[in-house]
Amino acid sequence: MKTNEVLENIKARRSVRAYTDQQISYENLQTILEAATYAPNGMHYESWHFTAIQNTDKLTELNNRIKGAFVKSDDQRMQERGHNQSYCCYYHAPTLVIVSNESTQWWAGMDCACAIENMFLAATSLGIGSCWINQLGTTCDDPEVREFITSLGVPENHKVYGCVALGFADPQIPKKEKTVKVGTVTIVK
C-alpha cells in the first residue's frame, strides 16, 4: 500500500489513558487548537467552541462535578464511578479541551467529531498523547456541571459533544497495537 507522512501519522495515533505530569507547551496547544479550527464543518458555520483547561484545580473541580452528576444517575455503573474516590474521567491528563457547539444544527456533533480527530492527529504529529473523553457530554446539562463549564468559557447555549485529553504518554504503559477487523471494508466497482 502507498504511504506518506500523513498516513503514517494516522496509523500511529492511539488513545492514551495514562499521562506524565509534564504540561504541553502553549505553542503546541495553539497548534492543536488551530488544527481543530480547520476541520470540515456544516455550511462552514463554525459555530463550535474550544475551551482548553490547563489549570489542575479547575480540572479537579470539573471531575468532581461530573462525578456528582454521575451519583444522581439512574445508571448503576455511573453511580459507582461517581462514588469512586480515584475515578478521573480525563485520566489525569494535564490539558483538557472541551469541544462544544450549538445544538440547533443536526450536524453539530459531526462538526465536533471532525475537529476532535484533527486535534488527535495534530497531537500525534507533535509527540503528544490524546484520548476522547465522553463524560462531560452526558453530564453537561446537570445544573452544577453547567454552571462550572459556563464559568470556564463554554457558551451557555452549547452542548458538549466531547473532550480531548492531551499530555505526554506515560512511558511505562505500552502502546497498544492496532489490528483492523477483517471484513471492515467493502469496495464496490
N, C-alpha and C. Protein backbone atom coordinates (compact mmCIF):
# COMPACT_ATOMS: atom_id res chain seq x y z
N MET A 1 0.83 -1.19 0.00
CA MET A 1 0.00 0.00 0.00
C MET A 1 0.87 1.25 0.00
N LYS A 2 0.33 2.30 -0.56
CA LYS A 2 1.02 3.58 -0.56
C LYS A 2 1.04 4.15 0.85
N THR A 3 2.04 4.96 1.11
CA THR A 3 2.11 5.63 2.40
C THR A 3 2.81 6.98 2.25
N ASN A 4 2.59 7.82 3.23
CA ASN A 4 3.26 9.11 3.31
C ASN A 4 3.20 9.57 4.76
N GLU A 5 3.73 10.74 5.06
CA GLU A 5 3.80 11.22 6.43
C GLU A 5 2.41 11.33 7.08
N VAL A 6 1.43 11.80 6.34
CA VAL A 6 0.08 11.94 6.89
C VAL A 6 -0.50 10.58 7.22
N LEU A 7 -0.40 9.63 6.29
CA LEU A 7 -0.94 8.30 6.52
C LEU A 7 -0.23 7.59 7.67
N GLU A 8 1.08 7.76 7.79
CA GLU A 8 1.82 7.16 8.90
C GLU A 8 1.38 7.77 10.22
N ASN A 9 1.10 9.07 10.25
CA ASN A 9 0.62 9.74 11.47
C ASN A 9 -0.75 9.19 11.87
N ILE A 10 -1.62 8.99 10.88
CA ILE A 10 -2.94 8.41 11.17
C ILE A 10 -2.79 7.02 11.78
N LYS A 11 -1.90 6.22 11.21
CA LYS A 11 -1.70 4.85 11.70
C LYS A 11 -1.03 4.82 13.08
N ALA A 12 -0.28 5.85 13.42
CA ALA A 12 0.43 5.89 14.70
C ALA A 12 -0.46 6.34 15.86
N ARG A 13 -1.57 7.01 15.58
CA ARG A 13 -2.42 7.56 16.64
C ARG A 13 -3.06 6.46 17.47
N ARG A 14 -3.00 6.62 18.79
CA ARG A 14 -3.64 5.68 19.73
C ARG A 14 -4.26 6.50 20.85
N SER A 15 -5.27 5.97 21.48
CA SER A 15 -5.84 6.61 22.66
C SER A 15 -4.91 6.37 23.84
N VAL A 16 -4.55 7.46 24.50
CA VAL A 16 -3.64 7.39 25.65
C VAL A 16 -4.48 7.60 26.92
N ARG A 17 -4.33 6.68 27.87
CA ARG A 17 -5.11 6.75 29.10
C ARG A 17 -4.23 6.81 30.34
N ALA A 18 -2.94 7.09 30.16
CA ALA A 18 -2.01 7.28 31.27
C ALA A 18 -0.99 8.33 30.83
N TYR A 19 -0.87 9.39 31.63
CA TYR A 19 -0.05 10.54 31.26
C TYR A 19 0.99 10.85 32.32
N THR A 20 2.06 11.50 31.89
CA THR A 20 3.02 12.06 32.84
C THR A 20 2.44 13.38 33.34
N ASP A 21 3.08 13.98 34.33
CA ASP A 21 2.64 15.27 34.85
C ASP A 21 3.08 16.44 33.97
N GLN A 22 3.96 16.19 33.01
CA GLN A 22 4.50 17.27 32.18
C GLN A 22 3.40 17.92 31.34
N GLN A 23 3.29 19.23 31.47
CA GLN A 23 2.31 20.01 30.72
C GLN A 23 2.79 20.19 29.28
N ILE A 24 1.85 20.20 28.34
CA ILE A 24 2.22 20.51 26.96
C ILE A 24 2.44 22.02 26.85
N SER A 25 3.25 22.43 25.91
CA SER A 25 3.58 23.85 25.77
C SER A 25 2.40 24.63 25.20
N TYR A 26 2.41 25.91 25.49
CA TYR A 26 1.39 26.81 24.95
C TYR A 26 1.41 26.78 23.42
N GLU A 27 2.61 26.76 22.85
CA GLU A 27 2.75 26.73 21.39
C GLU A 27 2.13 25.46 20.80
N ASN A 28 2.38 24.32 21.43
CA ASN A 28 1.78 23.07 20.94
C ASN A 28 0.27 23.07 21.11
N LEU A 29 -0.22 23.61 22.23
CA LEU A 29 -1.66 23.72 22.43
C LEU A 29 -2.28 24.59 21.34
N GLN A 30 -1.66 25.71 21.04
CA GLN A 30 -2.16 26.60 19.98
C GLN A 30 -2.20 25.88 18.64
N THR A 31 -1.17 25.09 18.35
CA THR A 31 -1.11 24.34 17.09
C THR A 31 -2.24 23.33 17.02
N ILE A 32 -2.48 22.62 18.11
CA ILE A 32 -3.54 21.61 18.15
C ILE A 32 -4.92 22.27 18.00
N LEU A 33 -5.12 23.40 18.67
CA LEU A 33 -6.40 24.11 18.56
C LEU A 33 -6.60 24.68 17.15
N GLU A 34 -5.52 25.14 16.54
CA GLU A 34 -5.63 25.64 15.17
C GLU A 34 -6.04 24.51 14.23
N ALA A 35 -5.48 23.32 14.44
CA ALA A 35 -5.87 22.16 13.62
C ALA A 35 -7.36 21.90 13.75
N ALA A 36 -7.90 22.05 14.95
CA ALA A 36 -9.34 21.86 15.17
C ALA A 36 -10.16 22.82 14.32
N THR A 37 -9.73 24.06 14.25
CA THR A 37 -10.50 25.08 13.52
C THR A 37 -10.47 24.87 12.01
N TYR A 38 -9.58 24.02 11.52
CA TYR A 38 -9.51 23.73 10.09
C TYR A 38 -10.31 22.48 9.71
N ALA A 39 -11.02 21.91 10.65
CA ALA A 39 -11.82 20.72 10.36
C ALA A 39 -13.03 21.09 9.51
N PRO A 40 -13.52 20.13 8.73
CA PRO A 40 -14.74 20.39 7.97
C PRO A 40 -15.89 20.66 8.94
N ASN A 41 -16.80 21.52 8.51
CA ASN A 41 -17.98 21.81 9.34
C ASN A 41 -19.13 22.21 8.45
N GLY A 42 -20.33 21.82 8.86
CA GLY A 42 -21.54 22.03 8.07
C GLY A 42 -21.79 23.48 7.72
N MET A 43 -21.98 23.74 6.44
CA MET A 43 -22.29 25.07 5.92
C MET A 43 -21.22 26.11 6.27
N HIS A 44 -20.09 25.64 6.75
CA HIS A 44 -18.98 26.50 7.19
C HIS A 44 -19.44 27.52 8.24
N TYR A 45 -20.37 27.09 9.09
CA TYR A 45 -20.88 27.98 10.15
C TYR A 45 -19.86 28.23 11.25
N GLU A 46 -18.99 27.24 11.49
CA GLU A 46 -18.01 27.36 12.56
C GLU A 46 -18.65 27.80 13.87
N SER A 47 -19.74 27.14 14.22
CA SER A 47 -20.46 27.50 15.45
C SER A 47 -19.90 26.78 16.68
N TRP A 48 -18.87 26.00 16.49
CA TRP A 48 -18.23 25.28 17.58
C TRP A 48 -17.44 26.21 18.49
N HIS A 49 -17.02 25.66 19.64
CA HIS A 49 -16.17 26.42 20.57
C HIS A 49 -15.23 25.43 21.24
N PHE A 50 -14.00 25.86 21.48
CA PHE A 50 -12.98 25.02 22.10
C PHE A 50 -12.51 25.70 23.37
N THR A 51 -12.70 25.05 24.49
CA THR A 51 -12.31 25.59 25.79
C THR A 51 -11.19 24.72 26.33
N ALA A 52 -9.97 25.25 26.37
CA ALA A 52 -8.81 24.49 26.82
C ALA A 52 -8.51 24.81 28.28
N ILE A 53 -8.35 23.76 29.08
CA ILE A 53 -8.09 23.92 30.51
C ILE A 53 -6.74 23.27 30.83
N GLN A 54 -5.85 24.07 31.42
CA GLN A 54 -4.55 23.54 31.86
C GLN A 54 -4.34 23.78 33.36
N ASN A 55 -5.35 24.22 34.05
CA ASN A 55 -5.28 24.51 35.47
C ASN A 55 -5.71 23.26 36.24
N THR A 56 -4.80 22.71 37.03
CA THR A 56 -5.06 21.46 37.76
C THR A 56 -6.27 21.57 38.68
N ASP A 57 -6.38 22.69 39.40
CA ASP A 57 -7.52 22.86 40.32
C ASP A 57 -8.84 22.88 39.57
N LYS A 58 -8.87 23.55 38.42
CA LYS A 58 -10.11 23.60 37.61
C LYS A 58 -10.45 22.22 37.07
N LEU A 59 -9.44 21.48 36.64
CA LEU A 59 -9.68 20.11 36.14
C LEU A 59 -10.21 19.20 37.25
N THR A 60 -9.65 19.34 38.44
CA THR A 60 -10.13 18.54 39.57
C THR A 60 -11.58 18.90 39.91
N GLU A 61 -11.89 20.19 39.92
CA GLU A 61 -13.26 20.63 40.20
C GLU A 61 -14.22 20.11 39.14
N LEU A 62 -13.82 20.16 37.88
CA LEU A 62 -14.66 19.65 36.80
C LEU A 62 -14.93 18.16 37.01
N ASN A 63 -13.89 17.39 37.31
CA ASN A 63 -14.05 15.96 37.55
C ASN A 63 -15.00 15.71 38.72
N ASN A 64 -14.86 16.49 39.78
CA ASN A 64 -15.74 16.32 40.95
C ASN A 64 -17.19 16.62 40.60
N ARG A 65 -17.42 17.63 39.78
CA ARG A 65 -18.80 17.96 39.40
C ARG A 65 -19.39 16.89 38.48
N ILE A 66 -18.57 16.35 37.60
CA ILE A 66 -19.03 15.25 36.75
C ILE A 66 -19.38 14.05 37.61
N LYS A 67 -18.53 13.73 38.58
CA LYS A 67 -18.82 12.62 39.50
C LYS A 67 -20.10 12.89 40.28
N GLY A 68 -20.33 14.14 40.67
CA GLY A 68 -21.57 14.49 41.36
C GLY A 68 -22.79 14.23 40.49
N ALA A 69 -22.68 14.52 39.20
CA ALA A 69 -23.78 14.24 38.27
C ALA A 69 -23.97 12.73 38.11
N PHE A 70 -22.88 11.99 38.10
CA PHE A 70 -22.97 10.53 38.00
C PHE A 70 -23.73 9.94 39.18
N VAL A 71 -23.49 10.47 40.36
CA VAL A 71 -24.15 9.95 41.57
C VAL A 71 -25.68 10.06 41.44
N LYS A 72 -26.16 11.12 40.75
CA LYS A 72 -27.59 11.35 40.57
C LYS A 72 -28.21 10.47 39.48
N SER A 73 -27.38 9.78 38.72
CA SER A 73 -27.85 8.99 37.58
C SER A 73 -28.63 7.77 38.02
N ASP A 74 -29.49 7.29 37.12
CA ASP A 74 -30.20 6.03 37.34
C ASP A 74 -29.33 4.83 36.97
N ASP A 75 -28.24 5.09 36.25
CA ASP A 75 -27.35 4.03 35.79
C ASP A 75 -26.39 3.63 36.92
N GLN A 76 -26.41 2.36 37.28
CA GLN A 76 -25.60 1.87 38.40
C GLN A 76 -24.10 2.06 38.14
N ARG A 77 -23.67 1.84 36.91
CA ARG A 77 -22.24 1.99 36.59
C ARG A 77 -21.79 3.44 36.77
N MET A 78 -22.63 4.38 36.36
CA MET A 78 -22.29 5.79 36.55
C MET A 78 -22.27 6.14 38.04
N GLN A 79 -23.22 5.60 38.79
CA GLN A 79 -23.24 5.85 40.23
C GLN A 79 -21.96 5.35 40.89
N GLU A 80 -21.51 4.18 40.47
CA GLU A 80 -20.26 3.61 41.02
C GLU A 80 -19.08 4.52 40.72
N ARG A 81 -19.01 5.03 39.50
CA ARG A 81 -17.94 5.96 39.15
C ARG A 81 -18.03 7.23 39.99
N GLY A 82 -19.24 7.71 40.19
CA GLY A 82 -19.43 8.92 40.97
C GLY A 82 -18.96 8.78 42.41
N HIS A 83 -19.09 7.58 42.96
CA HIS A 83 -18.67 7.33 44.35
C HIS A 83 -17.21 6.90 44.47
N ASN A 84 -16.57 6.59 43.35
CA ASN A 84 -15.19 6.11 43.35
C ASN A 84 -14.23 7.30 43.55
N GLN A 85 -13.53 7.31 44.68
CA GLN A 85 -12.63 8.42 45.01
C GLN A 85 -11.49 8.59 44.00
N SER A 86 -11.04 7.51 43.39
CA SER A 86 -9.89 7.59 42.48
C SER A 86 -10.29 7.80 41.02
N TYR A 87 -11.58 7.82 40.73
CA TYR A 87 -12.03 7.95 39.34
C TYR A 87 -11.70 9.34 38.79
N CYS A 88 -11.09 9.36 37.62
CA CYS A 88 -10.78 10.62 36.93
C CYS A 88 -11.16 10.45 35.47
N CYS A 89 -12.19 11.15 35.04
CA CYS A 89 -12.72 10.95 33.69
C CYS A 89 -11.73 11.35 32.59
N TYR A 90 -10.76 12.19 32.90
CA TYR A 90 -9.80 12.64 31.88
C TYR A 90 -8.42 12.01 32.08
N TYR A 91 -8.35 10.95 32.89
CA TYR A 91 -7.13 10.17 33.10
C TYR A 91 -5.95 11.01 33.60
N HIS A 92 -6.23 12.07 34.31
CA HIS A 92 -5.21 12.96 34.89
C HIS A 92 -4.32 13.60 33.82
N ALA A 93 -4.84 13.77 32.62
CA ALA A 93 -4.08 14.48 31.58
C ALA A 93 -3.90 15.92 32.04
N PRO A 94 -2.78 16.55 31.74
CA PRO A 94 -2.55 17.92 32.19
C PRO A 94 -3.35 18.97 31.41
N THR A 95 -3.89 18.61 30.26
CA THR A 95 -4.70 19.53 29.45
C THR A 95 -5.97 18.81 29.03
N LEU A 96 -7.07 19.55 29.07
CA LEU A 96 -8.34 19.03 28.58
C LEU A 96 -8.98 20.11 27.71
N VAL A 97 -9.40 19.73 26.51
CA VAL A 97 -10.10 20.65 25.62
C VAL A 97 -11.55 20.21 25.55
N ILE A 98 -12.46 21.12 25.94
CA ILE A 98 -13.89 20.87 25.84
C ILE A 98 -14.35 21.33 24.47
N VAL A 99 -15.01 20.46 23.73
CA VAL A 99 -15.48 20.78 22.39
C VAL A 99 -17.01 20.86 22.43
N SER A 100 -17.52 22.06 22.16
CA SER A 100 -18.96 22.28 22.26
C SER A 100 -19.47 22.94 20.98
N ASN A 101 -20.79 22.92 20.85
CA ASN A 101 -21.40 23.51 19.66
C ASN A 101 -22.86 23.83 19.97
N GLU A 102 -23.41 24.73 19.17
CA GLU A 102 -24.85 24.99 19.24
C GLU A 102 -25.55 23.71 18.82
N SER A 103 -26.60 23.35 19.52
CA SER A 103 -27.26 22.09 19.17
C SER A 103 -28.40 22.30 18.18
N THR A 104 -28.50 23.49 17.60
CA THR A 104 -29.60 23.79 16.69
C THR A 104 -29.44 23.14 15.32
N GLN A 105 -28.22 22.81 14.93
CA GLN A 105 -27.98 22.16 13.63
C GLN A 105 -27.77 20.67 13.86
N TRP A 106 -28.40 19.83 13.05
CA TRP A 106 -28.29 18.39 13.25
C TRP A 106 -26.87 17.88 13.07
N TRP A 107 -26.03 18.63 12.39
CA TRP A 107 -24.66 18.18 12.14
C TRP A 107 -23.66 18.70 13.17
N ALA A 108 -24.12 19.37 14.22
CA ALA A 108 -23.22 19.97 15.21
C ALA A 108 -22.26 18.94 15.81
N GLY A 109 -22.77 17.78 16.17
CA GLY A 109 -21.92 16.74 16.75
C GLY A 109 -20.89 16.22 15.77
N MET A 110 -21.27 16.13 14.51
CA MET A 110 -20.35 15.66 13.48
C MET A 110 -19.22 16.67 13.26
N ASP A 111 -19.59 17.96 13.29
CA ASP A 111 -18.56 19.01 13.18
C ASP A 111 -17.54 18.86 14.30
N CYS A 112 -18.03 18.64 15.51
CA CYS A 112 -17.14 18.49 16.67
C CYS A 112 -16.28 17.24 16.54
N ALA A 113 -16.85 16.15 16.03
CA ALA A 113 -16.09 14.92 15.85
C ALA A 113 -14.94 15.13 14.86
N CYS A 114 -15.19 15.86 13.79
CA CYS A 114 -14.13 16.16 12.82
C CYS A 114 -13.03 17.00 13.48
N ALA A 115 -13.42 17.98 14.27
CA ALA A 115 -12.44 18.84 14.95
C ALA A 115 -11.62 18.03 15.96
N ILE A 116 -12.28 17.13 16.66
CA ILE A 116 -11.58 16.29 17.64
C ILE A 116 -10.56 15.41 16.94
N GLU A 117 -10.93 14.80 15.83
CA GLU A 117 -9.97 13.97 15.09
C GLU A 117 -8.78 14.80 14.62
N ASN A 118 -9.04 16.02 14.15
CA ASN A 118 -7.92 16.88 13.76
C ASN A 118 -6.99 17.13 14.94
N MET A 119 -7.56 17.33 16.14
CA MET A 119 -6.72 17.54 17.32
C MET A 119 -5.90 16.29 17.63
N PHE A 120 -6.52 15.12 17.52
CA PHE A 120 -5.79 13.87 17.76
C PHE A 120 -4.60 13.75 16.81
N LEU A 121 -4.84 14.01 15.54
CA LEU A 121 -3.77 13.85 14.55
C LEU A 121 -2.68 14.90 14.73
N ALA A 122 -3.06 16.13 15.04
CA ALA A 122 -2.06 17.17 15.30
C ALA A 122 -1.23 16.80 16.52
N ALA A 123 -1.90 16.34 17.58
CA ALA A 123 -1.18 15.96 18.80
C ALA A 123 -0.19 14.84 18.51
N THR A 124 -0.64 13.82 17.78
CA THR A 124 0.25 12.71 17.44
C THR A 124 1.47 13.19 16.68
N SER A 125 1.26 14.11 15.75
CA SER A 125 2.38 14.61 14.95
C SER A 125 3.39 15.38 15.80
N LEU A 126 2.95 15.87 16.97
CA LEU A 126 3.83 16.62 17.88
C LEU A 126 4.38 15.75 19.02
N GLY A 127 4.08 14.45 18.99
CA GLY A 127 4.55 13.56 20.04
C GLY A 127 3.74 13.65 21.32
N ILE A 128 2.50 14.14 21.21
CA ILE A 128 1.62 14.33 22.36
C ILE A 128 0.51 13.30 22.30
N GLY A 129 0.21 12.69 23.44
CA GLY A 129 -0.85 11.71 23.52
C GLY A 129 -2.21 12.37 23.66
N SER A 130 -3.25 11.64 23.29
CA SER A 130 -4.61 12.19 23.36
C SER A 130 -5.62 11.07 23.56
N CYS A 131 -6.81 11.45 24.01
CA CYS A 131 -7.89 10.49 24.18
C CYS A 131 -9.22 11.24 24.14
N TRP A 132 -10.22 10.63 23.51
CA TRP A 132 -11.58 11.18 23.50
C TRP A 132 -12.19 10.95 24.87
N ILE A 133 -12.77 11.98 25.43
CA ILE A 133 -13.41 11.92 26.75
C ILE A 133 -14.89 12.23 26.55
N ASN A 134 -15.78 11.30 26.91
CA ASN A 134 -17.22 11.45 26.69
C ASN A 134 -18.02 11.97 27.87
N GLN A 135 -17.50 11.82 29.07
CA GLN A 135 -18.31 12.01 30.27
C GLN A 135 -18.96 13.39 30.37
N LEU A 136 -18.29 14.41 29.94
CA LEU A 136 -18.87 15.75 30.03
C LEU A 136 -20.04 15.92 29.06
N GLY A 137 -20.01 15.20 27.95
CA GLY A 137 -21.11 15.24 27.01
C GLY A 137 -22.41 14.73 27.60
N THR A 138 -22.31 13.74 28.49
CA THR A 138 -23.51 13.17 29.09
C THR A 138 -23.95 13.92 30.35
N THR A 139 -23.08 14.78 30.88
CA THR A 139 -23.41 15.48 32.13
C THR A 139 -23.47 17.00 31.99
N CYS A 140 -23.28 17.53 30.80
CA CYS A 140 -23.16 18.99 30.64
C CYS A 140 -24.43 19.75 31.00
N ASP A 141 -25.57 19.08 31.04
CA ASP A 141 -26.81 19.76 31.40
C ASP A 141 -27.16 19.63 32.88
N ASP A 142 -26.36 18.91 33.64
CA ASP A 142 -26.55 18.90 35.09
C ASP A 142 -26.28 20.33 35.59
N PRO A 143 -27.14 20.88 36.44
CA PRO A 143 -27.00 22.30 36.85
C PRO A 143 -25.63 22.66 37.43
N GLU A 144 -25.05 21.80 38.28
CA GLU A 144 -23.74 22.11 38.87
C GLU A 144 -22.63 22.04 37.82
N VAL A 145 -22.74 21.10 36.91
CA VAL A 145 -21.75 20.98 35.84
C VAL A 145 -21.89 22.17 34.89
N ARG A 146 -23.11 22.48 34.49
CA ARG A 146 -23.36 23.58 33.55
C ARG A 146 -22.84 24.90 34.11
N GLU A 147 -23.12 25.15 35.37
CA GLU A 147 -22.65 26.39 35.99
C GLU A 147 -21.13 26.50 35.90
N PHE A 148 -20.45 25.39 36.18
CA PHE A 148 -19.00 25.42 36.19
C PHE A 148 -18.42 25.57 34.79
N ILE A 149 -18.92 24.80 33.82
CA ILE A 149 -18.34 24.90 32.47
C ILE A 149 -18.64 26.26 31.85
N THR A 150 -19.77 26.86 32.20
CA THR A 150 -20.06 28.22 31.72
C THR A 150 -19.04 29.19 32.29
N SER A 151 -18.69 29.01 33.56
CA SER A 151 -17.69 29.90 34.18
C SER A 151 -16.31 29.72 33.54
N LEU A 152 -16.07 28.56 32.93
CA LEU A 152 -14.80 28.30 32.25
C LEU A 152 -14.76 28.87 30.83
N GLY A 153 -15.93 29.25 30.30
CA GLY A 153 -15.96 29.83 28.96
C GLY A 153 -16.77 29.07 27.94
N VAL A 154 -17.37 27.94 28.31
CA VAL A 154 -18.23 27.21 27.39
C VAL A 154 -19.52 28.02 27.23
N PRO A 155 -19.88 28.42 26.00
CA PRO A 155 -21.09 29.22 25.81
C PRO A 155 -22.33 28.53 26.40
N GLU A 156 -23.20 29.31 27.01
CA GLU A 156 -24.38 28.78 27.69
C GLU A 156 -25.30 28.00 26.77
N ASN A 157 -25.36 28.39 25.49
CA ASN A 157 -26.27 27.72 24.55
C ASN A 157 -25.62 26.52 23.85
N HIS A 158 -24.46 26.10 24.33
CA HIS A 158 -23.74 25.00 23.70
C HIS A 158 -23.92 23.69 24.45
N LYS A 159 -23.96 22.63 23.66
CA LYS A 159 -23.91 21.26 24.19
C LYS A 159 -22.47 20.80 24.03
N VAL A 160 -21.98 20.05 25.00
CA VAL A 160 -20.65 19.48 24.88
C VAL A 160 -20.77 18.16 24.12
N TYR A 161 -20.00 18.06 23.04
CA TYR A 161 -20.04 16.85 22.20
C TYR A 161 -18.85 15.93 22.45
N GLY A 162 -17.88 16.39 23.18
CA GLY A 162 -16.72 15.57 23.51
C GLY A 162 -15.62 16.43 24.07
N CYS A 163 -14.62 15.79 24.62
CA CYS A 163 -13.44 16.48 25.14
C CYS A 163 -12.21 15.74 24.65
N VAL A 164 -11.09 16.44 24.65
CA VAL A 164 -9.82 15.85 24.24
C VAL A 164 -8.84 15.98 25.40
N ALA A 165 -8.42 14.85 25.94
CA ALA A 165 -7.34 14.83 26.93
C ALA A 165 -6.03 14.91 26.16
N LEU A 166 -5.12 15.76 26.64
CA LEU A 166 -3.83 15.94 25.98
C LEU A 166 -2.70 15.89 27.02
N GLY A 167 -1.63 15.24 26.65
CA GLY A 167 -0.45 15.18 27.51
C GLY A 167 0.55 14.19 26.95
N PHE A 168 1.63 14.01 27.68
CA PHE A 168 2.66 13.08 27.25
C PHE A 168 2.36 11.71 27.84
N ALA A 169 2.36 10.70 26.98
CA ALA A 169 2.04 9.34 27.40
C ALA A 169 3.04 8.84 28.44
N ASP A 170 2.53 8.16 29.45
CA ASP A 170 3.38 7.54 30.45
C ASP A 170 4.21 6.47 29.74
N PRO A 171 5.54 6.60 29.76
CA PRO A 171 6.38 5.64 29.02
C PRO A 171 6.34 4.23 29.60
N GLN A 172 5.84 4.08 30.83
CA GLN A 172 5.77 2.76 31.47
C GLN A 172 4.61 1.92 30.94
N ILE A 173 3.65 2.58 30.26
CA ILE A 173 2.49 1.87 29.74
C ILE A 173 2.72 1.59 28.26
N PRO A 174 2.74 0.32 27.86
CA PRO A 174 2.99 0.01 26.45
C PRO A 174 1.86 0.48 25.54
N LYS A 175 2.24 0.91 24.36
CA LYS A 175 1.27 1.36 23.36
C LYS A 175 0.60 0.14 22.75
N LYS A 176 -0.73 0.17 22.67
CA LYS A 176 -1.47 -0.95 22.10
C LYS A 176 -1.29 -0.98 20.59
N GLU A 177 -1.16 -2.16 20.07
CA GLU A 177 -1.06 -2.34 18.63
C GLU A 177 -2.47 -2.30 18.03
N LYS A 178 -2.59 -1.75 16.86
CA LYS A 178 -3.87 -1.66 16.17
C LYS A 178 -3.98 -2.81 15.19
N THR A 179 -5.10 -3.50 15.25
CA THR A 179 -5.41 -4.51 14.24
C THR A 179 -6.75 -4.14 13.63
N VAL A 180 -6.81 -4.21 12.33
CA VAL A 180 -8.05 -3.88 11.62
C VAL A 180 -8.87 -5.15 11.48
N LYS A 181 -10.10 -5.08 11.90
CA LYS A 181 -11.01 -6.23 11.85
C LYS A 181 -11.25 -6.63 10.39
N VAL A 182 -11.15 -7.90 10.12
CA VAL A 182 -11.39 -8.44 8.78
C VAL A 182 -12.84 -8.17 8.39
N GLY A 183 -13.04 -7.76 7.15
CA GLY A 183 -14.38 -7.52 6.65
C GLY A 183 -14.90 -6.12 6.92
N THR A 184 -14.02 -5.24 7.39
CA THR A 184 -14.42 -3.87 7.72
C THR A 184 -14.65 -3.02 6.47
N VAL A 185 -13.97 -3.35 5.40
CA VAL A 185 -14.03 -2.53 4.18
C VAL A 185 -14.63 -3.33 3.04
N THR A 186 -15.54 -2.69 2.31
CA THR A 186 -16.11 -3.26 1.10
C THR A 186 -15.90 -2.24 -0.02
N ILE A 187 -15.41 -2.69 -1.14
CA ILE A 187 -15.22 -1.82 -2.30
C ILE A 187 -16.14 -2.33 -3.41
N VAL A 188 -17.00 -1.46 -3.91
CA VAL A 188 -17.92 -1.80 -4.99
C VAL A 188 -17.44 -1.08 -6.23
N LYS A 189 -17.17 -1.81 -7.30
CA LYS A 189 -16.71 -1.20 -8.56
C LYS A 189 -17.78 -1.24 -9.60
